[in-house]
Amino acid sequence: MGKFLSDFKEFAMKGNIIDMAVGVIIGGAFGKIVSSLVNDIIMPCTSLVTGGDGYKNLKYVLTPAREATADGVAAVEEVAINYGIFIQNIVDFVIVAFSIFVALRVIMKFKKKEEKEEAAPAPAGPTQEELLTQIRDLLKKEVNK
């Protein structure tokens, strides 16, 4: 049992796991923000164009709803294909995907900039042959003194 816990602790404390957990939490929060953008800002503006409540109320009714009658006929719920909700989810997905794409692009731009700064070539030093030539010349000077 002790080995199991120590292995789990080693696994959980690896940098990649912690980074992934932070990414999942931030991604969830980011998803909520983008969903709010779609539902609370974009879709109401879209409803002005479509002349209604946006896409969410668009549907194709297969069986209309019926209320119960006094002679014992049971109520029937409406059966409909809610294609408006489907359209809204597609719009939501496209905006989330685009937002993540833009965010990743900005992050990668900064990473590439850091990598270029870190990977700046070191000043070129003398080659091995040049060093040997310099050593030889110094030895000749010492011998000739």
N, C-alpha and C. Protein backbone atom coordinates (compact mmCIF):
# COMPACT_ATOMS: atom_id res chain seq x y z
N MET A 1 0.83 -1.20 0.00
CA MET A 1 0.00 0.00 0.00
C MET A 1 0.87 1.25 0.00
N GLY A 2 1.98 1.22 0.72
CA GLY A 2 2.89 2.37 0.76
C GLY A 2 3.52 2.64 -0.59
N LYS A 3 3.89 1.58 -1.31
CA LYS A 3 4.46 1.73 -2.65
C LYS A 3 3.44 2.34 -3.60
N PHE A 4 2.20 1.89 -3.47
CA PHE A 4 1.12 2.42 -4.31
C PHE A 4 0.97 3.92 -4.10
N LEU A 5 0.92 4.36 -2.85
CA LEU A 5 0.76 5.79 -2.55
C LEU A 5 1.96 6.60 -3.01
N SER A 6 3.17 6.06 -2.84
CA SER A 6 4.35 6.80 -3.29
C SER A 6 4.37 6.90 -4.82
N ASP A 7 3.96 5.83 -5.51
CA ASP A 7 3.88 5.88 -6.97
C ASP A 7 2.84 6.90 -7.42
N PHE A 8 1.70 6.93 -6.72
CA PHE A 8 0.66 7.89 -7.07
C PHE A 8 1.14 9.32 -6.84
N LYS A 9 1.84 9.54 -5.73
CA LYS A 9 2.35 10.87 -5.43
C LYS A 9 3.34 11.31 -6.50
N GLU A 10 4.22 10.41 -6.91
CA GLU A 10 5.20 10.72 -7.96
C GLU A 10 4.48 11.05 -9.28
N PHE A 11 3.46 10.28 -9.61
CA PHE A 11 2.68 10.51 -10.83
C PHE A 11 1.96 11.85 -10.77
N ALA A 12 1.32 12.16 -9.65
CA ALA A 12 0.52 13.38 -9.53
C ALA A 12 1.37 14.63 -9.50
N MET A 13 2.60 14.51 -9.06
CA MET A 13 3.44 15.70 -8.93
C MET A 13 4.30 15.98 -10.17
N LYS A 14 4.15 15.15 -11.18
CA LYS A 14 4.88 15.43 -12.42
C LYS A 14 4.34 16.71 -13.02
N GLY A 15 5.19 17.48 -13.64
CA GLY A 15 4.81 18.76 -14.21
C GLY A 15 3.73 18.66 -15.26
N ASN A 16 3.78 17.62 -16.10
CA ASN A 16 2.80 17.50 -17.18
C ASN A 16 1.38 17.29 -16.64
N ILE A 17 1.26 16.53 -15.57
CA ILE A 17 -0.06 16.25 -15.01
C ILE A 17 -0.66 17.53 -14.42
N ILE A 18 0.15 18.28 -13.71
CA ILE A 18 -0.33 19.52 -13.11
C ILE A 18 -0.69 20.51 -14.20
N ASP A 19 0.15 20.62 -15.23
CA ASP A 19 -0.15 21.51 -16.35
C ASP A 19 -1.47 21.12 -17.02
N MET A 20 -1.67 19.82 -17.18
CA MET A 20 -2.90 19.35 -17.81
C MET A 20 -4.11 19.69 -16.95
N ALA A 21 -4.00 19.51 -15.64
CA ALA A 21 -5.12 19.83 -14.75
C ALA A 21 -5.46 21.31 -14.81
N VAL A 22 -4.43 22.15 -14.80
CA VAL A 22 -4.66 23.60 -14.91
C VAL A 22 -5.32 23.91 -16.26
N GLY A 23 -4.86 23.27 -17.32
CA GLY A 23 -5.44 23.48 -18.64
C GLY A 23 -6.91 23.08 -18.70
N VAL A 24 -7.26 21.97 -18.05
CA VAL A 24 -8.66 21.52 -18.04
C VAL A 24 -9.53 22.53 -17.30
N ILE A 25 -9.04 23.01 -16.16
CA ILE A 25 -9.83 23.97 -15.37
C ILE A 25 -10.00 25.28 -16.14
N ILE A 26 -8.91 25.78 -16.71
CA ILE A 26 -9.00 27.02 -17.48
C ILE A 26 -9.85 26.81 -18.72
N GLY A 27 -9.73 25.66 -19.37
CA GLY A 27 -10.54 25.36 -20.55
C GLY A 27 -12.02 25.32 -20.22
N GLY A 28 -12.39 24.76 -19.07
CA GLY A 28 -13.79 24.74 -18.66
C GLY A 28 -14.33 26.14 -18.44
N ALA A 29 -13.54 26.97 -17.78
CA ALA A 29 -13.95 28.36 -17.55
C ALA A 29 -14.04 29.11 -18.87
N PHE A 30 -13.09 28.88 -19.76
CA PHE A 30 -13.08 29.53 -21.07
C PHE A 30 -14.31 29.11 -21.87
N GLY A 31 -14.68 27.84 -21.78
CA GLY A 31 -15.88 27.34 -22.47
C GLY A 31 -17.14 28.03 -21.98
N LYS A 32 -17.21 28.27 -20.67
CA LYS A 32 -18.38 28.97 -20.12
C LYS A 32 -18.44 30.40 -20.63
N ILE A 33 -17.29 31.06 -20.70
CA ILE A 33 -17.25 32.44 -21.19
C ILE A 33 -17.71 32.49 -22.65
N VAL A 34 -17.20 31.58 -23.47
CA VAL A 34 -17.58 31.58 -24.88
C VAL A 34 -19.05 31.20 -25.05
N SER A 35 -19.53 30.26 -24.26
CA SER A 35 -20.95 29.89 -24.34
C SER A 35 -21.83 31.08 -23.96
N SER A 36 -21.42 31.83 -22.95
CA SER A 36 -22.16 33.02 -22.57
C SER A 36 -22.13 34.05 -23.70
N LEU A 37 -20.98 34.19 -24.34
CA LEU A 37 -20.87 35.10 -25.48
C LEU A 37 -21.87 34.71 -26.56
N VAL A 38 -21.96 33.43 -26.85
CA VAL A 38 -22.87 32.96 -27.89
C VAL A 38 -24.33 33.15 -27.46
N ASN A 39 -24.66 32.66 -26.26
CA ASN A 39 -26.06 32.67 -25.81
C ASN A 39 -26.57 34.05 -25.45
N ASP A 40 -25.71 34.88 -24.87
CA ASP A 40 -26.18 36.16 -24.32
C ASP A 40 -25.91 37.36 -25.23
N ILE A 41 -25.01 37.24 -26.19
CA ILE A 41 -24.68 38.38 -27.04
C ILE A 41 -24.94 38.08 -28.52
N ILE A 42 -24.35 37.01 -29.03
CA ILE A 42 -24.46 36.73 -30.46
C ILE A 42 -25.87 36.27 -30.86
N MET A 43 -26.43 35.33 -30.12
CA MET A 43 -27.75 34.82 -30.49
C MET A 43 -28.85 35.88 -30.37
N PRO A 44 -28.86 36.75 -29.35
CA PRO A 44 -29.87 37.81 -29.36
C PRO A 44 -29.73 38.74 -30.57
N CYS A 45 -28.50 39.01 -30.98
CA CYS A 45 -28.30 39.82 -32.19
C CYS A 45 -28.78 39.07 -33.42
N THR A 46 -28.58 37.77 -33.44
CA THR A 46 -29.04 36.95 -34.55
C THR A 46 -30.57 36.93 -34.61
N SER A 47 -31.21 37.00 -33.43
CA SER A 47 -32.67 36.97 -33.41
C SER A 47 -33.26 38.21 -34.08
N LEU A 48 -32.51 39.30 -34.09
CA LEU A 48 -32.98 40.48 -34.82
C LEU A 48 -33.05 40.20 -36.31
N VAL A 49 -32.08 39.44 -36.80
CA VAL A 49 -32.04 39.10 -38.23
C VAL A 49 -33.11 38.06 -38.57
N THR A 50 -33.25 37.06 -37.72
CA THR A 50 -34.21 35.99 -38.00
C THR A 50 -35.63 36.38 -37.64
N GLY A 51 -35.79 37.47 -36.87
CA GLY A 51 -37.13 37.94 -36.53
C GLY A 51 -37.81 37.12 -35.46
N GLY A 52 -37.06 36.50 -34.61
CA GLY A 52 -37.67 35.69 -33.54
C GLY A 52 -36.78 35.63 -32.33
N ASP A 53 -36.82 34.48 -31.67
CA ASP A 53 -36.02 34.28 -30.46
C ASP A 53 -34.67 33.66 -30.78
N GLY A 54 -34.18 33.87 -31.96
CA GLY A 54 -32.94 33.21 -32.35
C GLY A 54 -33.26 31.85 -32.91
N TYR A 55 -32.31 30.97 -32.85
CA TYR A 55 -32.49 29.66 -33.45
C TYR A 55 -33.16 28.65 -32.52
N LYS A 56 -33.10 28.87 -31.21
CA LYS A 56 -33.49 27.80 -30.30
C LYS A 56 -34.96 27.39 -30.39
N ASN A 57 -35.82 28.24 -30.91
CA ASN A 57 -37.23 27.87 -31.02
C ASN A 57 -37.61 27.32 -32.39
N LEU A 58 -36.64 27.20 -33.28
CA LEU A 58 -36.93 26.62 -34.60
C LEU A 58 -37.08 25.11 -34.46
N LYS A 59 -38.18 24.59 -34.98
CA LYS A 59 -38.41 23.14 -34.86
C LYS A 59 -39.39 22.69 -35.91
N TYR A 60 -39.35 21.39 -36.16
CA TYR A 60 -40.31 20.77 -37.06
C TYR A 60 -41.16 19.83 -36.21
N VAL A 61 -42.43 20.14 -36.11
CA VAL A 61 -43.34 19.36 -35.24
C VAL A 61 -43.80 18.12 -35.98
N LEU A 62 -43.52 16.96 -35.39
CA LEU A 62 -43.97 15.69 -35.96
C LEU A 62 -45.38 15.35 -35.46
N THR A 63 -45.58 15.51 -34.15
CA THR A 63 -46.88 15.26 -33.55
C THR A 63 -47.21 16.43 -32.64
N PRO A 64 -48.28 17.17 -32.93
CA PRO A 64 -48.61 18.31 -32.06
C PRO A 64 -49.09 17.84 -30.69
N ALA A 65 -48.93 18.70 -29.71
CA ALA A 65 -49.36 18.39 -28.35
C ALA A 65 -50.89 18.45 -28.28
N ARG A 66 -51.47 17.58 -27.43
CA ARG A 66 -52.91 17.60 -27.18
C ARG A 66 -53.14 17.53 -25.69
N GLU A 67 -54.10 18.31 -25.22
CA GLU A 67 -54.45 18.29 -23.81
C GLU A 67 -55.40 17.14 -23.55
N ALA A 68 -55.45 16.74 -22.29
CA ALA A 68 -56.38 15.68 -21.90
C ALA A 68 -57.81 16.19 -22.04
N THR A 69 -58.68 15.31 -22.42
CA THR A 69 -60.08 15.70 -22.58
C THR A 69 -60.92 15.11 -21.45
N ALA A 70 -62.13 15.61 -21.32
CA ALA A 70 -63.02 15.16 -20.24
C ALA A 70 -63.48 13.73 -20.43
N ASP A 71 -63.49 13.22 -21.65
CA ASP A 71 -63.97 11.85 -21.89
C ASP A 71 -62.86 10.80 -21.70
N GLY A 72 -61.71 11.18 -21.09
CA GLY A 72 -60.70 10.21 -20.71
C GLY A 72 -59.53 10.07 -21.66
N VAL A 73 -59.49 10.83 -22.72
CA VAL A 73 -58.36 10.75 -23.65
C VAL A 73 -57.17 11.43 -22.98
N ALA A 74 -56.06 10.74 -22.93
CA ALA A 74 -54.87 11.24 -22.23
C ALA A 74 -54.20 12.35 -23.03
N ALA A 75 -53.44 13.15 -22.30
CA ALA A 75 -52.69 14.24 -22.95
C ALA A 75 -51.52 13.65 -23.72
N VAL A 76 -51.16 14.32 -24.80
CA VAL A 76 -50.03 13.89 -25.63
C VAL A 76 -49.05 15.05 -25.71
N GLU A 77 -47.81 14.75 -25.39
CA GLU A 77 -46.77 15.78 -25.49
C GLU A 77 -46.36 15.95 -26.95
N GLU A 78 -45.88 17.14 -27.25
CA GLU A 78 -45.43 17.45 -28.60
C GLU A 78 -44.16 16.66 -28.92
N VAL A 79 -44.11 16.12 -30.11
CA VAL A 79 -42.91 15.45 -30.61
C VAL A 79 -42.39 16.31 -31.75
N ALA A 80 -41.15 16.81 -31.58
CA ALA A 80 -40.62 17.73 -32.59
C ALA A 80 -39.12 17.51 -32.77
N ILE A 81 -38.66 17.87 -33.95
CA ILE A 81 -37.23 17.89 -34.24
C ILE A 81 -36.76 19.32 -34.00
N ASN A 82 -35.97 19.52 -32.96
CA ASN A 82 -35.51 20.85 -32.57
C ASN A 82 -34.22 21.20 -33.31
N TYR A 83 -34.36 21.51 -34.59
CA TYR A 83 -33.16 21.81 -35.38
C TYR A 83 -32.57 23.17 -35.03
N GLY A 84 -33.33 24.04 -34.41
CA GLY A 84 -32.80 25.34 -33.99
C GLY A 84 -31.75 25.20 -32.90
N ILE A 85 -31.98 24.31 -31.95
CA ILE A 85 -30.99 24.06 -30.90
C ILE A 85 -29.73 23.47 -31.51
N PHE A 86 -29.91 22.61 -32.51
CA PHE A 86 -28.77 22.02 -33.20
C PHE A 86 -27.95 23.11 -33.90
N ILE A 87 -28.62 24.04 -34.57
CA ILE A 87 -27.92 25.15 -35.23
C ILE A 87 -27.18 26.00 -34.21
N GLN A 88 -27.83 26.26 -33.07
CA GLN A 88 -27.20 27.06 -32.03
C GLN A 88 -25.96 26.35 -31.48
N ASN A 89 -26.02 25.04 -31.32
CA ASN A 89 -24.85 24.29 -30.85
C ASN A 89 -23.72 24.31 -31.87
N ILE A 90 -24.06 24.29 -33.15
CA ILE A 90 -23.03 24.37 -34.20
C ILE A 90 -22.36 25.74 -34.14
N VAL A 91 -23.15 26.80 -34.01
CA VAL A 91 -22.58 28.14 -33.91
C VAL A 91 -21.70 28.24 -32.67
N ASP A 92 -22.18 27.69 -31.56
CA ASP A 92 -21.41 27.68 -30.31
C ASP A 92 -20.07 26.96 -30.52
N PHE A 93 -20.11 25.79 -31.17
CA PHE A 93 -18.89 25.03 -31.41
C PHE A 93 -17.90 25.81 -32.28
N VAL A 94 -18.42 26.41 -33.35
CA VAL A 94 -17.54 27.15 -34.26
C VAL A 94 -16.86 28.31 -33.53
N ILE A 95 -17.62 29.02 -32.71
CA ILE A 95 -17.04 30.14 -31.98
C ILE A 95 -16.03 29.66 -30.94
N VAL A 96 -16.35 28.58 -30.22
CA VAL A 96 -15.40 28.02 -29.25
C VAL A 96 -14.13 27.56 -29.96
N ALA A 97 -14.28 26.83 -31.06
CA ALA A 97 -13.11 26.34 -31.79
C ALA A 97 -12.27 27.50 -32.31
N PHE A 98 -12.92 28.54 -32.85
CA PHE A 98 -12.19 29.69 -33.36
C PHE A 98 -11.47 30.41 -32.22
N SER A 99 -12.13 30.57 -31.10
CA SER A 99 -11.51 31.24 -29.95
C SER A 99 -10.30 30.48 -29.45
N ILE A 100 -10.41 29.16 -29.35
CA ILE A 100 -9.28 28.35 -28.91
C ILE A 100 -8.15 28.43 -29.93
N PHE A 101 -8.49 28.41 -31.22
CA PHE A 101 -7.49 28.54 -32.27
C PHE A 101 -6.72 29.84 -32.12
N VAL A 102 -7.46 30.95 -31.93
CA VAL A 102 -6.80 32.25 -31.79
C VAL A 102 -5.93 32.28 -30.54
N ALA A 103 -6.45 31.76 -29.42
CA ALA A 103 -5.68 31.75 -28.17
C ALA A 103 -4.40 30.93 -28.33
N LEU A 104 -4.51 29.75 -28.94
CA LEU A 104 -3.32 28.90 -29.14
C LEU A 104 -2.32 29.56 -30.08
N ARG A 105 -2.83 30.25 -31.08
CA ARG A 105 -1.94 30.93 -32.01
C ARG A 105 -1.13 32.02 -31.32
N VAL A 106 -1.80 32.77 -30.44
CA VAL A 106 -1.10 33.82 -29.68
C VAL A 106 -0.06 33.20 -28.76
N ILE A 107 -0.44 32.12 -28.08
CA ILE A 107 0.50 31.44 -27.17
C ILE A 107 1.70 30.91 -27.96
N MET A 108 1.45 30.28 -29.11
CA MET A 108 2.55 29.73 -29.91
C MET A 108 3.45 30.85 -30.43
N LYS A 109 2.88 32.00 -30.75
CA LYS A 109 3.68 33.14 -31.21
C LYS A 109 4.66 33.57 -30.13
N PHE A 110 4.17 33.66 -28.88
CA PHE A 110 5.05 34.03 -27.77
C PHE A 110 6.10 32.95 -27.51
N LYS A 111 5.70 31.67 -27.63
CA LYS A 111 6.65 30.58 -27.42
C LYS A 111 7.76 30.61 -28.46
N LYS A 112 7.39 30.83 -29.72
CA LYS A 112 8.40 30.89 -30.78
C LYS A 112 9.35 32.05 -30.55
N LYS A 113 8.81 33.17 -30.08
CA LYS A 113 9.63 34.34 -29.80
C LYS A 113 10.62 34.02 -28.69
N GLU A 114 10.16 33.33 -27.63
CA GLU A 114 11.04 32.94 -26.53
C GLU A 114 12.10 31.97 -27.02
N GLU A 115 11.70 31.00 -27.84
CA GLU A 115 12.65 30.01 -28.35
C GLU A 115 13.72 30.68 -29.20
N LYS A 116 13.33 31.68 -30.01
CA LYS A 116 14.32 32.38 -30.82
C LYS A 116 15.31 33.12 -29.94
N GLU A 117 14.79 33.73 -28.85
CA GLU A 117 15.68 34.45 -27.95
C GLU A 117 16.62 33.50 -27.23
N GLU A 118 16.08 32.34 -26.81
CA GLU A 118 16.90 31.35 -26.11
C GLU A 118 17.89 30.68 -27.05
N ALA A 119 17.48 30.45 -28.28
CA ALA A 119 18.31 29.71 -29.22
C ALA A 119 19.17 30.63 -30.07
N ALA A 120 19.36 31.86 -29.62
CA ALA A 120 20.23 32.76 -30.37
C ALA A 120 21.61 32.12 -30.46
N PRO A 121 22.19 32.09 -31.65
CA PRO A 121 23.46 31.39 -31.80
C PRO A 121 24.55 32.06 -30.96
N ALA A 122 25.33 31.21 -30.32
CA ALA A 122 26.45 31.70 -29.53
C ALA A 122 27.52 32.24 -30.48
N PRO A 123 28.26 33.22 -30.02
CA PRO A 123 29.30 33.72 -30.91
C PRO A 123 30.23 32.58 -31.34
N ALA A 124 30.51 32.56 -32.61
CA ALA A 124 31.32 31.48 -33.15
C ALA A 124 32.75 31.62 -32.64
N GLY A 125 33.22 30.55 -32.02
CA GLY A 125 34.59 30.55 -31.50
C GLY A 125 35.52 29.95 -32.54
N PRO A 126 36.78 29.92 -32.22
CA PRO A 126 37.75 29.35 -33.17
C PRO A 126 37.53 27.85 -33.31
N THR A 127 37.85 27.35 -34.47
CA THR A 127 37.74 25.92 -34.71
C THR A 127 38.89 25.21 -34.00
N GLN A 128 38.85 23.92 -34.00
CA GLN A 128 39.89 23.12 -33.34
C GLN A 128 41.24 23.33 -34.03
N GLU A 129 41.20 23.43 -35.33
CA GLU A 129 42.45 23.65 -36.08
C GLU A 129 43.05 25.01 -35.74
N GLU A 130 42.19 26.04 -35.63
CA GLU A 130 42.68 27.37 -35.29
C GLU A 130 43.28 27.39 -33.89
N LEU A 131 42.64 26.69 -32.97
CA LEU A 131 43.18 26.62 -31.60
C LEU A 131 44.53 25.92 -31.59
N LEU A 132 44.64 24.84 -32.32
CA LEU A 132 45.92 24.12 -32.38
C LEU A 132 47.01 24.99 -33.01
N THR A 133 46.63 25.75 -34.03
CA THR A 133 47.60 26.66 -34.66
C THR A 133 48.05 27.72 -33.67
N GLN A 134 47.11 28.28 -32.91
CA GLN A 134 47.47 29.28 -31.91
C GLN A 134 48.39 28.69 -30.84
N ILE A 135 48.09 27.48 -30.39
CA ILE A 135 48.94 26.83 -29.38
C ILE A 135 50.34 26.60 -29.94
N ARG A 136 50.41 26.14 -31.18
CA ARG A 136 51.71 25.92 -31.81
C ARG A 136 52.51 27.22 -31.89
N ASP A 137 51.85 28.31 -32.30
CA ASP A 137 52.54 29.60 -32.40
C ASP A 137 53.02 30.07 -31.03
N LEU A 138 52.20 29.88 -30.00
CA LEU A 138 52.63 30.27 -28.65
C LEU A 138 53.81 29.44 -28.18
N LEU A 139 53.79 28.16 -28.48
CA LEU A 139 54.91 27.30 -28.09
C LEU A 139 56.19 27.70 -28.82
N LYS A 140 56.07 28.08 -30.09
CA LYS A 140 57.25 28.53 -30.85
C LYS A 140 57.84 29.78 -30.23
N LYS A 141 56.95 30.71 -29.82
CA LYS A 141 57.43 31.94 -29.20
C LYS A 141 58.15 31.64 -27.90
N GLU A 142 57.62 30.73 -27.10
CA GLU A 142 58.27 30.38 -25.82
C GLU A 142 59.61 29.72 -26.06
N VAL A 143 59.71 28.89 -27.05
CA VAL A 143 60.96 28.19 -27.35
C VAL A 143 62.00 29.19 -27.88
N ASN A 144 61.60 30.16 -28.68
CA ASN A 144 62.51 31.12 -29.31
C ASN A 144 62.94 32.21 -28.33
N LYS A 145 62.38 32.34 -27.16
CA LYS A 145 62.77 33.39 -26.22
C LYS A 145 64.09 33.16 -25.61
